[in-house]
Amino acid sequence: MKTDRDKWDARYSRTEPAPPTPDSLLVDHADLLTKGRALDLACGMGAESLFAAECGYVVDAVDISTFALTVLNGRARDRGVAVRCIAADLDSFVIPKETYDLVMVFYFFAPGLMAAIEGALKRGGLLFYSTFNHRHTSINPEFNPKYLVPPGGLAKFFPALDILLDEPYGGSDGNVARLIARRR
């Protein structure tokens, strides 16, 4: 039986070896970024981790795929930036509280983790979150709806944060929920 790690390792091993491009949400709003500690959850090949590190953050990059983290570790070393790769299943990973100046989540959705994600931010810390919403099944009918943001977007999951940008239906097909928020 294939584990989640096996599934994601196989998927990333078939990925183009060129560095992936960081999500436009992060790039377009880079003026909000400062420096400090960052957390990239479900980081995959780490495009956002590398971008944040190049902006001056010390990044903890968490993913279940050891293959993806090995690639990310090599890219971080080649670029001379601080990225600590952590192989972990987010179903059991304990997210440190009030530790990060920046938390990034791109294309991963687990409603049970929202309080821990919010709690990971230091006062004044930023959350950048972008992932598929419920409309995504019109483009990819086989996508498990359990992993899609429900109607209304991401903001409702983060009631204690100041919302700087809330796009429940972003992306060219309206199938992406995007959020930037700051901890009070």
C-alpha atoms as a PDB file:
ATOM      1  CA  MET A   1       0.000   0.000   0.000  1.00  0.00           C
ATOM      2  CA  LYS A   2       1.328   3.406  -1.031  1.00  0.00           C
ATOM      3  CA  THR A   3       1.790   5.963   1.734  1.00  0.00           C
ATOM      4  CA  ASP A   4       1.207   9.700   1.306  1.00  0.00           C
ATOM      5  CA  ARG A   5       4.987  10.148   1.325  1.00  0.00           C
ATOM      6  CA  ASP A   6       5.367   7.580  -1.488  1.00  0.00           C
ATOM      7  CA  LYS A   7       2.616   9.298  -3.502  1.00  0.00           C
ATOM      8  CA  TRP A   8       4.179  12.753  -3.194  1.00  0.00           C
ATOM      9  CA  ASP A   9       7.750  11.512  -3.706  1.00  0.00           C
ATOM     10  CA  ALA A  10       6.617   9.853  -6.951  1.00  0.00           C
ATOM     11  CA  ARG A  11       4.781  12.985  -8.054  1.00  0.00           C
ATOM     12  CA  TYR A  12       7.734  15.308  -7.386  1.00  0.00           C
ATOM     13  CA  SER A  13      10.227  12.917  -8.967  1.00  0.00           C
ATOM     14  CA  ARG A  14       8.313  13.370 -12.254  1.00  0.00           C
ATOM     15  CA  THR A  15       8.456  17.179 -11.974  1.00  0.00           C
ATOM     16  CA  GLU A  16      10.592  19.337 -14.251  1.00  0.00           C
ATOM     17  CA  PRO A  17      13.969  19.895 -12.566  1.00  0.00           C
ATOM     18  CA  ALA A  18      13.952  23.667 -13.229  1.00  0.00           C
ATOM     19  CA  PRO A  19      13.172  25.721 -10.104  1.00  0.00           C
ATOM     20  CA  PRO A  20       9.446  26.387  -9.804  1.00  0.00           C
ATOM     21  CA  THR A  21       8.228  29.973  -9.841  1.00  0.00           C
ATOM     22  CA  PRO A  22       6.914  31.386  -6.561  1.00  0.00           C
ATOM     23  CA  ASP A  23       3.183  32.056  -6.422  1.00  0.00           C
ATOM     24  CA  SER A  24       2.165  35.465  -7.743  1.00  0.00           C
ATOM     25  CA  LEU A  25       0.366  36.272  -4.477  1.00  0.00           C
ATOM     26  CA  LEU A  26       3.733  36.334  -2.705  1.00  0.00           C
ATOM     27  CA  VAL A  27       5.666  38.013  -5.512  1.00  0.00           C
ATOM     28  CA  ASP A  28       3.040  40.711  -6.171  1.00  0.00           C
ATOM     29  CA  HIS A  29       2.898  41.629  -2.483  1.00  0.00           C
ATOM     30  CA  ALA A  30       6.600  41.325  -1.680  1.00  0.00           C
ATOM     31  CA  ASP A  31       6.536  44.931  -0.454  1.00  0.00           C
ATOM     32  CA  LEU A  32       4.796  43.601   2.685  1.00  0.00           C
ATOM     33  CA  LEU A  33       7.677  41.265   3.468  1.00  0.00           C
ATOM     34  CA  THR A  34      10.271  42.261   6.031  1.00  0.00           C
ATOM     35  CA  LYS A  35      12.663  39.790   7.651  1.00  0.00           C
ATOM     36  CA  GLY A  36      12.541  37.269  10.466  1.00  0.00           C
ATOM     37  CA  ARG A  37      11.385  33.676  10.710  1.00  0.00           C
ATOM     38  CA  ALA A  38       9.087  32.093   8.144  1.00  0.00           C
ATOM     39  CA  LEU A  39       7.151  28.850   7.936  1.00  0.00           C
ATOM     40  CA  ASP A  40       6.187  27.292   4.604  1.00  0.00           C
ATOM     41  CA  LEU A  41       3.651  24.493   5.129  1.00  0.00           C
ATOM     42  CA  ALA A  42       3.319  21.798   2.451  1.00  0.00           C
ATOM     43  CA  CYS A  43       6.184  23.554   0.697  1.00  0.00           C
ATOM     44  CA  GLY A  44       6.692  21.037  -2.112  1.00  0.00           C
ATOM     45  CA  MET A  45       9.731  21.968  -4.185  1.00  0.00           C
ATOM     46  CA  GLY A  46      10.002  25.187  -2.179  1.00  0.00           C
ATOM     47  CA  ALA A  47       9.604  28.058  -4.622  1.00  0.00           C
ATOM     48  CA  GLU A  48       8.002  30.209  -1.917  1.00  0.00           C
ATOM     49  CA  SER A  49      10.568  29.106   0.681  1.00  0.00           C
ATOM     50  CA  LEU A  50      13.429  30.189  -1.577  1.00  0.00           C
ATOM     51  CA  PHE A  51      11.722  33.494  -2.390  1.00  0.00           C
ATOM     52  CA  ALA A  52      11.142  34.275   1.295  1.00  0.00           C
ATOM     53  CA  ALA A  53      14.719  33.313   2.163  1.00  0.00           C
ATOM     54  CA  GLU A  54      16.011  35.613  -0.575  1.00  0.00           C
ATOM     55  CA  CYS A  55      13.892  38.384   0.986  1.00  0.00           C
ATOM     56  CA  GLY A  56      15.758  37.890   4.262  1.00  0.00           C
ATOM     57  CA  TYR A  57      13.708  35.305   6.154  1.00  0.00           C
ATOM     58  CA  VAL A  58      15.080  32.215   7.870  1.00  0.00           C
ATOM     59  CA  VAL A  59      12.628  29.599   6.607  1.00  0.00           C
ATOM     60  CA  ASP A  60      11.313  26.359   8.077  1.00  0.00           C
ATOM     61  CA  ALA A  61      10.001  24.418   5.076  1.00  0.00           C
ATOM     62  CA  VAL A  62       7.710  21.502   5.931  1.00  0.00           C
ATOM     63  CA  ASP A  63       6.569  18.807   3.518  1.00  0.00           C
ATOM     64  CA  ILE A  64       5.819  15.096   3.550  1.00  0.00           C
ATOM     65  CA  SER A  65       7.972  14.457   0.449  1.00  0.00           C
ATOM     66  CA  THR A  66      11.602  13.737   1.256  1.00  0.00           C
ATOM     67  CA  PHE A  67      12.324  13.895  -2.479  1.00  0.00           C
ATOM     68  CA  ALA A  68      11.012  17.469  -2.748  1.00  0.00           C
ATOM     69  CA  LEU A  69      12.872  18.520   0.401  1.00  0.00           C
ATOM     70  CA  THR A  70      16.139  17.084  -0.914  1.00  0.00           C
ATOM     71  CA  VAL A  71      15.741  19.169  -4.065  1.00  0.00           C
ATOM     72  CA  LEU A  72      14.838  22.250  -2.016  1.00  0.00           C
ATOM     73  CA  ASN A  73      17.794  21.758   0.318  1.00  0.00           C
ATOM     74  CA  GLY A  74      20.170  21.642  -2.657  1.00  0.00           C
ATOM     75  CA  ARG A  75      18.651  24.754  -4.215  1.00  0.00           C
ATOM     76  CA  ALA A  76      18.858  26.656  -0.925  1.00  0.00           C
ATOM     77  CA  ARG A  77      22.497  25.645  -0.502  1.00  0.00           C
ATOM     78  CA  ASP A  78      23.288  26.684  -4.096  1.00  0.00           C
ATOM     79  CA  ARG A  79      21.667  30.098  -3.491  1.00  0.00           C
ATOM     80  CA  GLY A  80      23.272  30.539  -0.086  1.00  0.00           C
ATOM     81  CA  VAL A  81      19.986  31.094   1.749  1.00  0.00           C
ATOM     82  CA  ALA A  82      18.686  29.808   5.080  1.00  0.00           C
ATOM     83  CA  VAL A  83      16.028  27.130   4.592  1.00  0.00           C
ATOM     84  CA  ARG A  84      15.602  24.347   7.142  1.00  0.00           C
ATOM     85  CA  CYS A  85      13.812  21.385   5.558  1.00  0.00           C
ATOM     86  CA  ILE A  86      11.504  19.387   7.820  1.00  0.00           C
ATOM     87  CA  ALA A  87      10.063  16.084   6.591  1.00  0.00           C
ATOM     88  CA  ALA A  88       6.713  15.714   8.312  1.00  0.00           C
ATOM     89  CA  ASP A  89       3.123  14.712   7.763  1.00  0.00           C
ATOM     90  CA  LEU A  90       0.998  17.759   8.564  1.00  0.00           C
ATOM     91  CA  ASP A  91      -1.638  15.458  10.055  1.00  0.00           C
ATOM     92  CA  SER A  92       0.731  14.913  13.007  1.00  0.00           C
ATOM     93  CA  PHE A  93       3.224  17.817  12.824  1.00  0.00           C
ATOM     94  CA  VAL A  94       3.016  20.194  15.777  1.00  0.00           C
ATOM     95  CA  ILE A  95       3.142  23.765  14.462  1.00  0.00           C
ATOM     96  CA  PRO A  96       5.078  25.956  16.924  1.00  0.00           C
ATOM     97  CA  LYS A  97       3.062  28.752  18.555  1.00  0.00           C
ATOM     98  CA  GLU A  98       3.836  32.467  18.169  1.00  0.00           C
ATOM     99  CA  THR A  99       7.124  31.736  16.409  1.00  0.00           C
ATOM    100  CA  TYR A 100       6.880  33.121  12.882  1.00  0.00           C
ATOM    101  CA  ASP A 101       6.885  36.545  11.259  1.00  0.00           C
ATOM    102  CA  LEU A 102       5.569  34.966   8.051  1.00  0.00           C
ATOM    103  CA  VAL A 103       3.511  31.831   7.440  1.00  0.00           C
ATOM    104  CA  MET A 104       2.936  30.647   3.881  1.00  0.00           C
ATOM    105  CA  VAL A 105       0.487  28.005   2.695  1.00  0.00           C
ATOM    106  CA  PHE A 106       0.146  27.365  -1.028  1.00  0.00           C
ATOM    107  CA  TYR A 107      -2.111  24.689  -2.500  1.00  0.00           C
ATOM    108  CA  PHE A 108      -2.807  22.801   0.693  1.00  0.00           C
ATOM    109  CA  PHE A 109      -6.060  22.915   2.649  1.00  0.00           C
ATOM    110  CA  ALA A 110      -6.841  21.183   5.928  1.00  0.00           C
ATOM    111  CA  PRO A 111      -9.539  22.942   7.965  1.00  0.00           C
ATOM    112  CA  GLY A 112      -8.337  21.260  11.147  1.00  0.00           C
ATOM    113  CA  LEU A 113      -5.017  23.124  10.940  1.00  0.00           C
ATOM    114  CA  MET A 114      -6.370  26.660  10.636  1.00  0.00           C
ATOM    115  CA  ALA A 115      -6.177  27.501  14.354  1.00  0.00           C
ATOM    116  CA  ALA A 116      -2.591  26.195  14.524  1.00  0.00           C
ATOM    117  CA  ILE A 117      -1.635  28.184  11.416  1.00  0.00           C
ATOM    118  CA  GLU A 118      -3.082  31.353  12.944  1.00  0.00           C
ATOM    119  CA  GLY A 119      -1.416  30.572  16.267  1.00  0.00           C
ATOM    120  CA  ALA A 120       2.020  30.161  14.649  1.00  0.00           C
ATOM    121  CA  LEU A 121       2.189  33.877  13.878  1.00  0.00           C
ATOM    122  CA  LYS A 122       3.947  36.357  16.131  1.00  0.00           C
ATOM    123  CA  ARG A 123       2.191  39.657  16.784  1.00  0.00           C
ATOM    124  CA  GLY A 124       2.385  41.599  13.491  1.00  0.00           C
ATOM    125  CA  GLY A 125       3.178  38.408  11.547  1.00  0.00           C
ATOM    126  CA  LEU A 126       1.817  37.865   8.046  1.00  0.00           C
ATOM    127  CA  LEU A 127      -0.106  34.963   6.571  1.00  0.00           C
ATOM    128  CA  PHE A 128      -0.021  34.368   2.809  1.00  0.00           C
ATOM    129  CA  TYR A 129      -2.479  31.632   1.803  1.00  0.00           C
ATOM    130  CA  SER A 130      -3.573  30.536  -1.661  1.00  0.00           C
ATOM    131  CA  THR A 131      -5.266  27.275  -2.594  1.00  0.00           C
ATOM    132  CA  PHE A 132      -8.036  25.794  -4.685  1.00  0.00           C
ATOM    133  CA  ASN A 133     -11.633  26.602  -3.784  1.00  0.00           C
ATOM    134  CA  HIS A 134     -14.834  24.590  -4.278  1.00  0.00           C
ATOM    135  CA  ARG A 135     -15.127  25.741  -7.917  1.00  0.00           C
ATOM    136  CA  HIS A 136     -12.002  23.757  -8.788  1.00  0.00           C
ATOM    137  CA  THR A 137     -14.043  20.601  -9.403  1.00  0.00           C
ATOM    138  CA  SER A 138     -15.472  22.243 -12.532  1.00  0.00           C
ATOM    139  CA  ILE A 139     -11.914  22.197 -13.929  1.00  0.00           C
ATOM    140  CA  ASN A 140     -10.709  19.008 -12.266  1.00  0.00           C
ATOM    141  CA  PRO A 141     -13.750  16.822 -11.445  1.00  0.00           C
ATOM    142  CA  GLU A 142     -11.593  14.153  -9.802  1.00  0.00           C
ATOM    143  CA  PHE A 143     -10.147  16.549  -7.208  1.00  0.00           C
ATOM    144  CA  ASN A 144     -11.259  15.518  -3.721  1.00  0.00           C
ATOM    145  CA  PRO A 145     -13.673  18.248  -2.491  1.00  0.00           C
ATOM    146  CA  LYS A 146     -12.461  17.616   1.068  1.00  0.00           C
ATOM    147  CA  TYR A 147      -9.304  19.546   0.109  1.00  0.00           C
ATOM    148  CA  LEU A 148     -11.100  22.560  -1.372  1.00  0.00           C
ATOM    149  CA  VAL A 149     -11.954  25.836   0.351  1.00  0.00           C
ATOM    150  CA  PRO A 150     -15.738  26.016   0.783  1.00  0.00           C
ATOM    151  CA  PRO A 151     -17.846  28.956  -0.449  1.00  0.00           C
ATOM    152  CA  GLY A 152     -16.921  32.247   1.170  1.00  0.00           C
ATOM    153  CA  GLY A 153     -13.161  31.863   1.082  1.00  0.00           C
ATOM    154  CA  LEU A 154     -10.391  31.647   3.642  1.00  0.00           C
ATOM    155  CA  ALA A 155     -11.007  34.731   5.814  1.00  0.00           C
ATOM    156  CA  LYS A 156     -13.650  33.019   7.944  1.00  0.00           C
ATOM    157  CA  PHE A 157     -11.025  30.536   9.146  1.00  0.00           C
ATOM    158  CA  PHE A 158      -8.873  33.325  10.626  1.00  0.00           C
ATOM    159  CA  PRO A 159     -11.183  35.492  12.775  1.00  0.00           C
ATOM    160  CA  ALA A 160      -8.401  36.913  14.961  1.00  0.00           C
ATOM    161  CA  LEU A 161      -6.360  38.225  12.023  1.00  0.00           C
ATOM    162  CA  ASP A 162      -6.621  41.555  10.233  1.00  0.00           C
ATOM    163  CA  ILE A 163      -7.476  40.743   6.631  1.00  0.00           C
ATOM    164  CA  LEU A 164      -5.353  42.681   4.134  1.00  0.00           C
ATOM    165  CA  LEU A 165      -6.534  40.849   1.009  1.00  0.00           C
ATOM    166  CA  ASP A 166      -9.402  38.384   0.633  1.00  0.00           C
ATOM    167  CA  GLU A 167     -10.162  36.860  -2.761  1.00  0.00           C
ATOM    168  CA  PRO A 168     -12.531  33.909  -2.354  1.00  0.00           C
ATOM    169  CA  TYR A 169     -12.704  33.460  -6.150  1.00  0.00           C
ATOM    170  CA  GLY A 170      -9.312  34.462  -7.527  1.00  0.00           C
ATOM    171  CA  GLY A 171      -7.308  33.091 -10.389  1.00  0.00           C
ATOM    172  CA  SER A 172      -8.199  33.211 -14.053  1.00  0.00           C
ATOM    173  CA  ASP A 173     -10.897  30.549 -13.576  1.00  0.00           C
ATOM    174  CA  GLY A 174     -12.198  31.783 -10.205  1.00  0.00           C
ATOM    175  CA  ASN A 175     -11.076  28.485  -8.660  1.00  0.00           C
ATOM    176  CA  VAL A 176      -8.481  29.819  -6.208  1.00  0.00           C
ATOM    177  CA  ALA A 177      -9.032  31.318  -2.763  1.00  0.00           C
ATOM    178  CA  ARG A 178      -6.323  33.841  -1.797  1.00  0.00           C
ATOM    179  CA  LEU A 179      -5.685  35.607   1.487  1.00  0.00           C
ATOM    180  CA  ILE A 180      -3.162  37.902   3.079  1.00  0.00           C
ATOM    181  CA  ALA A 181      -3.672  38.615   6.770  1.00  0.00           C
ATOM    182  CA  ARG A 182      -1.764  40.042   9.731  1.00  0.00           C
ATOM    183  CA  ARG A 183      -1.866  39.014  13.365  1.00  0.00           C
ATOM    184  CA  ARG A 184      -2.945  41.790  15.696  1.00  0.00           C
END
